Amino acid sequence: MTDICDEAQAREEGEREAVLDAFRGRPKPAAASAYFCRSCGERIPDARREAVEGTQFCTFCASQIDKGGR
């Protein structure tokens, strides 16, 4: 008989694989990340460029766009 911890671990592994499969199946950005923000012209930090593939906006401008501004 399986233990409740084994069942929880199996469920967690299944959910993790489903999320990873969805992530792997998402479309890749059409453009490479920009070096300078398309909105304000400030340099986009390398960490953001690597973390958000295809980004065209700095963190501030992206947050303003998400809020419905600019």
PDB file of N, CA and C in Angstrom:
ATOM      1  N   MET A   1       0.846  -1.171   0.000  1.00  0.00           N
ATOM      2  CA  MET A   1       0.000   0.000   0.000  1.00  0.00           C
ATOM      3  C   MET A   1       0.903   1.249   0.000  1.00  0.00           C
ATOM      4  N   THR A   2       0.511   2.215  -0.817  1.00  0.00           N
ATOM      5  CA  THR A   2       1.333   3.414  -0.904  1.00  0.00           C
ATOM      6  C   THR A   2       1.058   4.346   0.266  1.00  0.00           C
ATOM      7  N   ASP A   3       2.076   5.001   0.623  1.00  0.00           N
ATOM      8  CA  ASP A   3       2.036   5.954   1.733  1.00  0.00           C
ATOM      9  C   ASP A   3       1.552   7.308   1.198  1.00  0.00           C
ATOM     10  N   ILE A   4       0.943   8.118   2.030  1.00  0.00           N
ATOM     11  CA  ILE A   4       0.411   9.413   1.595  1.00  0.00           C
ATOM     12  C   ILE A   4       1.518  10.323   1.068  1.00  0.00           C
ATOM     13  N   CYS A   5       2.721  10.196   1.638  1.00  0.00           N
ATOM     14  CA  CYS A   5       3.856  11.003   1.161  1.00  0.00           C
ATOM     15  C   CYS A   5       4.251  10.599  -0.262  1.00  0.00           C
ATOM     16  N   ASP A   6       4.205   9.295  -0.550  1.00  0.00           N
ATOM     17  CA  ASP A   6       4.514   8.823  -1.901  1.00  0.00           C
ATOM     18  C   ASP A   6       3.493   9.341  -2.908  1.00  0.00           C
ATOM     19  N   GLU A   7       2.239   9.346  -2.505  1.00  0.00           N
ATOM     20  CA  GLU A   7       1.184   9.853  -3.381  1.00  0.00           C
ATOM     21  C   GLU A   7       1.364  11.348  -3.639  1.00  0.00           C
ATOM     22  N   ALA A   8       1.692  12.095  -2.597  1.00  0.00           N
ATOM     23  CA  ALA A   8       1.905  13.534  -2.747  1.00  0.00           C
ATOM     24  C   ALA A   8       3.100  13.809  -3.656  1.00  0.00           C
ATOM     25  N   GLN A   9       4.168  13.032  -3.502  1.00  0.00           N
ATOM     26  CA  GLN A   9       5.355  13.211  -4.332  1.00  0.00           C
ATOM     27  C   GLN A   9       5.043  12.900  -5.797  1.00  0.00           C
ATOM     28  N   ALA A  10       4.296  11.844  -6.041  1.00  0.00           N
ATOM     29  CA  ALA A  10       3.933  11.485  -7.415  1.00  0.00           C
ATOM     30  C   ALA A  10       3.066  12.572  -8.039  1.00  0.00           C
ATOM     31  N   ARG A  11       2.141  13.113  -7.268  1.00  0.00           N
ATOM     32  CA  ARG A  11       1.276  14.184  -7.786  1.00  0.00           C
ATOM     33  C   ARG A  11       2.099  15.434  -8.109  1.00  0.00           C
ATOM     34  N   GLU A  12       3.012  15.786  -7.202  1.00  0.00           N
ATOM     35  CA  GLU A  12       3.868  16.954  -7.419  1.00  0.00           C
ATOM     36  C   GLU A  12       4.712  16.779  -8.679  1.00  0.00           C
ATOM     37  N   GLU A  13       5.289  15.611  -8.863  1.00  0.00           N
ATOM     38  CA  GLU A  13       6.100  15.356 -10.057  1.00  0.00           C
ATOM     39  C   GLU A  13       5.260  15.464 -11.324  1.00  0.00           C
ATOM     40  N   GLY A  14       4.052  14.944 -11.292  1.00  0.00           N
ATOM     41  CA  GLY A  14       3.161  15.032 -12.443  1.00  0.00           C
ATOM     42  C   GLY A  14       2.798  16.463 -12.779  1.00  0.00           C
ATOM     43  N   GLU A  15       2.494  17.257 -11.742  1.00  0.00           N
ATOM     44  CA  GLU A  15       2.155  18.662 -11.968  1.00  0.00           C
ATOM     45  C   GLU A  15       3.354  19.438 -12.492  1.00  0.00           C
ATOM     46  N   ARG A  16       4.538  19.147 -11.950  1.00  0.00           N
ATOM     47  CA  ARG A  16       5.754  19.825 -12.409  1.00  0.00           C
ATOM     48  C   ARG A  16       6.013  19.514 -13.884  1.00  0.00           C
ATOM     49  N   GLU A  17       5.866  18.267 -14.267  1.00  0.00           N
ATOM     50  CA  GLU A  17       6.076  17.887 -15.667  1.00  0.00           C
ATOM     51  C   GLU A  17       5.061  18.561 -16.591  1.00  0.00           C
ATOM     52  N   ALA A  18       3.822  18.688 -16.139  1.00  0.00           N
ATOM     53  CA  ALA A  18       2.802  19.347 -16.958  1.00  0.00           C
ATOM     54  C   ALA A  18       3.147  20.817 -17.178  1.00  0.00           C
ATOM     55  N   VAL A  19       3.618  21.481 -16.126  1.00  0.00           N
ATOM     56  CA  VAL A  19       4.004  22.893 -16.257  1.00  0.00           C
ATOM     57  C   VAL A  19       5.211  23.027 -17.175  1.00  0.00           C
ATOM     58  N   LEU A  20       6.197  22.162 -17.003  1.00  0.00           N
ATOM     59  CA  LEU A  20       7.383  22.217 -17.862  1.00  0.00           C
ATOM     60  C   LEU A  20       7.025  21.944 -19.320  1.00  0.00           C
ATOM     61  N   ASP A  21       6.143  21.011 -19.577  1.00  0.00           N
ATOM     62  CA  ASP A  21       5.714  20.720 -20.948  1.00  0.00           C
ATOM     63  C   ASP A  21       5.028  21.938 -21.566  1.00  0.00           C
ATOM     64  N   ALA A  22       4.185  22.614 -20.779  1.00  0.00           N
ATOM     65  CA  ALA A  22       3.507  23.813 -21.280  1.00  0.00           C
ATOM     66  C   ALA A  22       4.526  24.911 -21.566  1.00  0.00           C
ATOM     67  N   PHE A  23       5.514  25.053 -20.697  1.00  0.00           N
ATOM     68  CA  PHE A  23       6.545  26.070 -20.888  1.00  0.00           C
ATOM     69  C   PHE A  23       7.368  25.775 -22.136  1.00  0.00           C
ATOM     70  N   ARG A  24       7.734  24.539 -22.321  1.00  0.00           N
ATOM     71  CA  ARG A  24       8.538  24.163 -23.491  1.00  0.00           C
ATOM     72  C   ARG A  24       7.759  24.341 -24.790  1.00  0.00           C
ATOM     73  N   GLY A  25       6.445  24.205 -24.729  1.00  0.00           N
ATOM     74  CA  GLY A  25       5.620  24.302 -25.920  1.00  0.00           C
ATOM     75  C   GLY A  25       5.215  25.713 -26.302  1.00  0.00           C
ATOM     76  N   ARG A  26       5.522  26.691 -25.450  1.00  0.00           N
ATOM     77  CA  ARG A  26       5.116  28.072 -25.754  1.00  0.00           C
ATOM     78  C   ARG A  26       5.944  28.621 -26.911  1.00  0.00           C
ATOM     79  N   PRO A  27       5.365  29.530 -27.677  1.00  0.00           N
ATOM     80  CA  PRO A  27       6.105  30.104 -28.804  1.00  0.00           C
ATOM     81  C   PRO A  27       7.272  30.961 -28.327  1.00  0.00           C
ATOM     82  N   LYS A  28       8.344  30.906 -29.064  1.00  0.00           N
ATOM     83  CA  LYS A  28       9.521  31.725 -28.757  1.00  0.00           C
ATOM     84  C   LYS A  28       9.292  33.141 -29.270  1.00  0.00           C
ATOM     85  N   PRO A  29       9.887  34.130 -28.605  1.00  0.00           N
ATOM     86  CA  PRO A  29       9.751  35.507 -29.076  1.00  0.00           C
ATOM     87  C   PRO A  29      10.295  35.650 -30.491  1.00  0.00           C
ATOM     88  N   ALA A  30       9.626  36.457 -31.291  1.00  0.00           N
ATOM     89  CA  ALA A  30      10.040  36.653 -32.678  1.00  0.00           C
ATOM     90  C   ALA A  30      11.305  37.492 -32.768  1.00  0.00           C
ATOM     91  N   ALA A  31      11.498  38.400 -31.828  1.00  0.00           N
ATOM     92  CA  ALA A  31      12.653  39.299 -31.874  1.00  0.00           C
ATOM     93  C   ALA A  31      13.560  39.056 -30.677  1.00  0.00           C
ATOM     94  N   ALA A  32      14.812  39.391 -30.856  1.00  0.00           N
ATOM     95  CA  ALA A  32      15.748  39.322 -29.741  1.00  0.00           C
ATOM     96  C   ALA A  32      15.449  40.476 -28.787  1.00  0.00           C
ATOM     97  N   SER A  33      15.882  40.338 -27.557  1.00  0.00           N
ATOM     98  CA  SER A  33      15.697  41.415 -26.589  1.00  0.00           C
ATOM     99  C   SER A  33      16.431  42.666 -27.049  1.00  0.00           C
ATOM    100  N   ALA A  34      15.791  43.812 -26.871  1.00  0.00           N
ATOM    101  CA  ALA A  34      16.390  45.092 -27.246  1.00  0.00           C
ATOM    102  C   ALA A  34      17.417  45.505 -26.193  1.00  0.00           C
ATOM    103  N   TYR A  35      18.370  46.314 -26.591  1.00  0.00           N
ATOM    104  CA  TYR A  35      19.345  46.856 -25.659  1.00  0.00           C
ATOM    105  C   TYR A  35      18.827  48.135 -25.005  1.00  0.00           C
ATOM    106  N   PHE A  36      17.961  48.846 -25.717  1.00  0.00           N
ATOM    107  CA  PHE A  36      17.406  50.099 -25.218  1.00  0.00           C
ATOM    108  C   PHE A  36      15.884  50.040 -25.290  1.00  0.00           C
ATOM    109  N   CYS A  37      15.239  50.592 -24.268  1.00  0.00           N
ATOM    110  CA  CYS A  37      13.786  50.585 -24.156  1.00  0.00           C
ATOM    111  C   CYS A  37      13.147  51.323 -25.332  1.00  0.00           C
ATOM    112  N   ARG A  38      12.139  50.698 -25.950  1.00  0.00           N
ATOM    113  CA  ARG A  38      11.442  51.323 -27.070  1.00  0.00           C
ATOM    114  C   ARG A  38      10.587  52.503 -26.630  1.00  0.00           C
ATOM    115  N   SER A  39      10.306  52.607 -25.338  1.00  0.00           N
ATOM    116  CA  SER A  39       9.461  53.686 -24.853  1.00  0.00           C
ATOM    117  C   SER A  39      10.267  54.892 -24.370  1.00  0.00           C
ATOM    118  N   CYS A  40      11.222  54.659 -23.461  1.00  0.00           N
ATOM    119  CA  CYS A  40      11.951  55.784 -22.861  1.00  0.00           C
ATOM    120  C   CYS A  40      13.384  55.925 -23.354  1.00  0.00           C
ATOM    121  N   GLY A  41      13.910  54.905 -24.014  1.00  0.00           N
ATOM    122  CA  GLY A  41      15.263  54.973 -24.550  1.00  0.00           C
ATOM    123  C   GLY A  41      16.362  54.593 -23.569  1.00  0.00           C
ATOM    124  N   GLU A  42      15.999  54.282 -22.319  1.00  0.00           N
ATOM    125  CA  GLU A  42      17.010  53.877 -21.336  1.00  0.00           C
ATOM    126  C   GLU A  42      17.534  52.481 -21.668  1.00  0.00           C
ATOM    127  N   ARG A  43      18.771  52.219 -21.252  1.00  0.00           N
ATOM    128  CA  ARG A  43      19.375  50.904 -21.468  1.00  0.00           C
ATOM    129  C   ARG A  43      18.628  49.858 -20.640  1.00  0.00           C
ATOM    130  N   ILE A  44      18.346  48.712 -21.243  1.00  0.00           N
ATOM    131  CA  ILE A  44      17.689  47.604 -20.551  1.00  0.00           C
ATOM    132  C   ILE A  44      18.797  46.756 -19.919  1.00  0.00           C
ATOM    133  N   PRO A  45      18.760  46.549 -18.606  1.00  0.00           N
ATOM    134  CA  PRO A  45      19.808  45.764 -17.945  1.00  0.00           C
ATOM    135  C   PRO A  45      19.926  44.359 -18.536  1.00  0.00           C
ATOM    136  N   ASP A  46      21.160  43.867 -18.597  1.00  0.00           N
ATOM    137  CA  ASP A  46      21.408  42.536 -19.156  1.00  0.00           C
ATOM    138  C   ASP A  46      20.614  41.457 -18.432  1.00  0.00           C
ATOM    139  N   ALA A  47      20.467  41.600 -17.119  1.00  0.00           N
ATOM    140  CA  ALA A  47      19.707  40.600 -16.357  1.00  0.00           C
ATOM    141  C   ALA A  47      18.266  40.519 -16.854  1.00  0.00           C
ATOM    142  N   ARG A  48      17.653  41.661 -17.151  1.00  0.00           N
ATOM    143  CA  ARG A  48      16.275  41.659 -17.675  1.00  0.00           C
ATOM    144  C   ARG A  48      16.243  41.091 -19.082  1.00  0.00           C
ATOM    145  N   ARG A  49      17.212  41.455 -19.891  1.00  0.00           N
ATOM    146  CA  ARG A  49      17.259  40.966 -21.272  1.00  0.00           C
ATOM    147  C   ARG A  49      17.347  39.443 -21.312  1.00  0.00           C
ATOM    148  N   GLU A  50      18.078  38.868 -20.357  1.00  0.00           N
ATOM    149  CA  GLU A  50      18.225  37.413 -20.299  1.00  0.00           C
ATOM    150  C   GLU A  50      16.999  36.749 -19.677  1.00  0.00           C
ATOM    151  N   ALA A  51      16.419  37.380 -18.672  1.00  0.00           N
ATOM    152  CA  ALA A  51      15.280  36.789 -17.964  1.00  0.00           C
ATOM    153  C   ALA A  51      13.991  36.841 -18.774  1.00  0.00           C
ATOM    154  N   VAL A  52      13.808  37.915 -19.560  1.00  0.00           N
ATOM    155  CA  VAL A  52      12.575  38.095 -20.335  1.00  0.00           C
ATOM    156  C   VAL A  52      12.952  38.116 -21.815  1.00  0.00           C
ATOM    157  N   GLU A  53      12.974  36.934 -22.418  1.00  0.00           N
ATOM    158  CA  GLU A  53      13.367  36.834 -23.819  1.00  0.00           C
ATOM    159  C   GLU A  53      12.470  37.695 -24.694  1.00  0.00           C
ATOM    160  N   GLY A  54      13.089  38.444 -25.587  1.00  0.00           N
ATOM    161  CA  GLY A  54      12.337  39.252 -26.524  1.00  0.00           C
ATOM    162  C   GLY A  54      11.834  40.567 -25.961  1.00  0.00           C
ATOM    163  N   THR A  55      12.265  40.931 -24.757  1.00  0.00           N
ATOM    164  CA  THR A  55      11.766  42.171 -24.160  1.00  0.00           C
ATOM    165  C   THR A  55      12.174  43.385 -24.995  1.00  0.00           C
ATOM    166  N   GLN A  56      11.288  44.337 -25.062  1.00  0.00           N
ATOM    167  CA  GLN A  56      11.531  45.563 -25.805  1.00  0.00           C
ATOM    168  C   GLN A  56      11.442  46.787 -24.891  1.00  0.00           C
ATOM    169  N   PHE A  57      11.123  46.564 -23.608  1.00  0.00           N
ATOM    170  CA  PHE A  57      10.898  47.652 -22.668  1.00  0.00           C
ATOM    171  C   PHE A  57      11.653  47.422 -21.369  1.00  0.00           C
ATOM    172  N   CYS A  58      12.075  48.537 -20.725  1.00  0.00           N
ATOM    173  CA  CYS A  58      12.690  48.445 -19.405  1.00  0.00           C
ATOM    174  C   CYS A  58      11.612  48.030 -18.399  1.00  0.00           C
ATOM    175  N   THR A  59      12.042  47.698 -17.213  1.00  0.00           N
ATOM    176  CA  THR A  59      11.108  47.236 -16.191  1.00  0.00           C
ATOM    177  C   THR A  59      10.038  48.286 -15.882  1.00  0.00           C
ATOM    178  N   PHE A  60      10.460  49.543 -15.734  1.00  0.00           N
ATOM    179  CA  PHE A  60       9.502  50.602 -15.405  1.00  0.00           C
ATOM    180  C   PHE A  60       8.448  50.753 -16.505  1.00  0.00           C
ATOM    181  N   CYS A  61       8.883  50.882 -17.743  1.00  0.00           N
ATOM    182  CA  CYS A  61       7.926  51.080 -18.837  1.00  0.00           C
ATOM    183  C   CYS A  61       7.023  49.863 -19.016  1.00  0.00           C
ATOM    184  N   ALA A  62       7.588  48.661 -18.855  1.00  0.00           N
ATOM    185  CA  ALA A  62       6.768  47.451 -18.963  1.00  0.00           C
ATOM    186  C   ALA A  62       5.690  47.444 -17.887  1.00  0.00           C
ATOM    187  N   SER A  63       6.041  47.891 -16.675  1.00  0.00           N
ATOM    188  CA  SER A  63       5.035  47.913 -15.605  1.00  0.00           C
ATOM    189  C   SER A  63       3.966  48.960 -15.892  1.00  0.00           C
ATOM    190  N   GLN A  64       4.355  50.088 -16.487  1.00  0.00           N
ATOM    191  CA  GLN A  64       3.377  51.110 -16.844  1.00  0.00           C
ATOM    192  C   GLN A  64       2.440  50.627 -17.953  1.00  0.00           C
ATOM    193  N   ILE A  65       2.983  49.904 -18.911  1.00  0.00           N
ATOM    194  CA  ILE A  65       2.169  49.352 -20.003  1.00  0.00           C
ATOM    195  C   ILE A  65       1.181  48.336 -19.439  1.00  0.00           C
ATOM    196  N   ASP A  66       1.678  47.482 -18.511  1.00  0.00           N
ATOM    197  CA  ASP A  66       0.795  46.476 -17.894  1.00  0.00           C
ATOM    198  C   ASP A  66      -0.327  47.125 -17.105  1.00  0.00           C
ATOM    199  N   LYS A  67      -0.069  48.287 -16.528  1.00  0.00           N
ATOM    200  CA  LYS A  67      -1.093  49.013 -15.758  1.00  0.00           C
ATOM    201  C   LYS A  67      -2.044  49.785 -16.660  1.00  0.00           C
ATOM    202  N   GLY A  68      -1.708  49.863 -17.955  1.00  0.00           N
ATOM    203  CA  GLY A  68      -2.568  50.578 -18.888  1.00  0.00           C
ATOM    204  C   GLY A  68      -2.114  52.001 -19.142  1.00  0.00           C
ATOM    205  N   GLY A  69      -0.939  52.342 -18.671  1.00  0.00           N
ATOM    206  CA  GLY A  69      -0.406  53.693 -18.890  1.00  0.00           C
ATOM    207  C   GLY A  69       0.367  53.773 -20.175  1.00  0.00           C
ATOM    208  N   ARG A  70       0.952  54.920 -20.415  1.00  0.00           N
ATOM    209  CA  ARG A  70       1.783  55.192 -21.603  1.00  0.00           C
ATOM    210  C   ARG A  70       1.154  54.707 -22.857  1.00  0.00           C
TER     211      ARG A  70
END
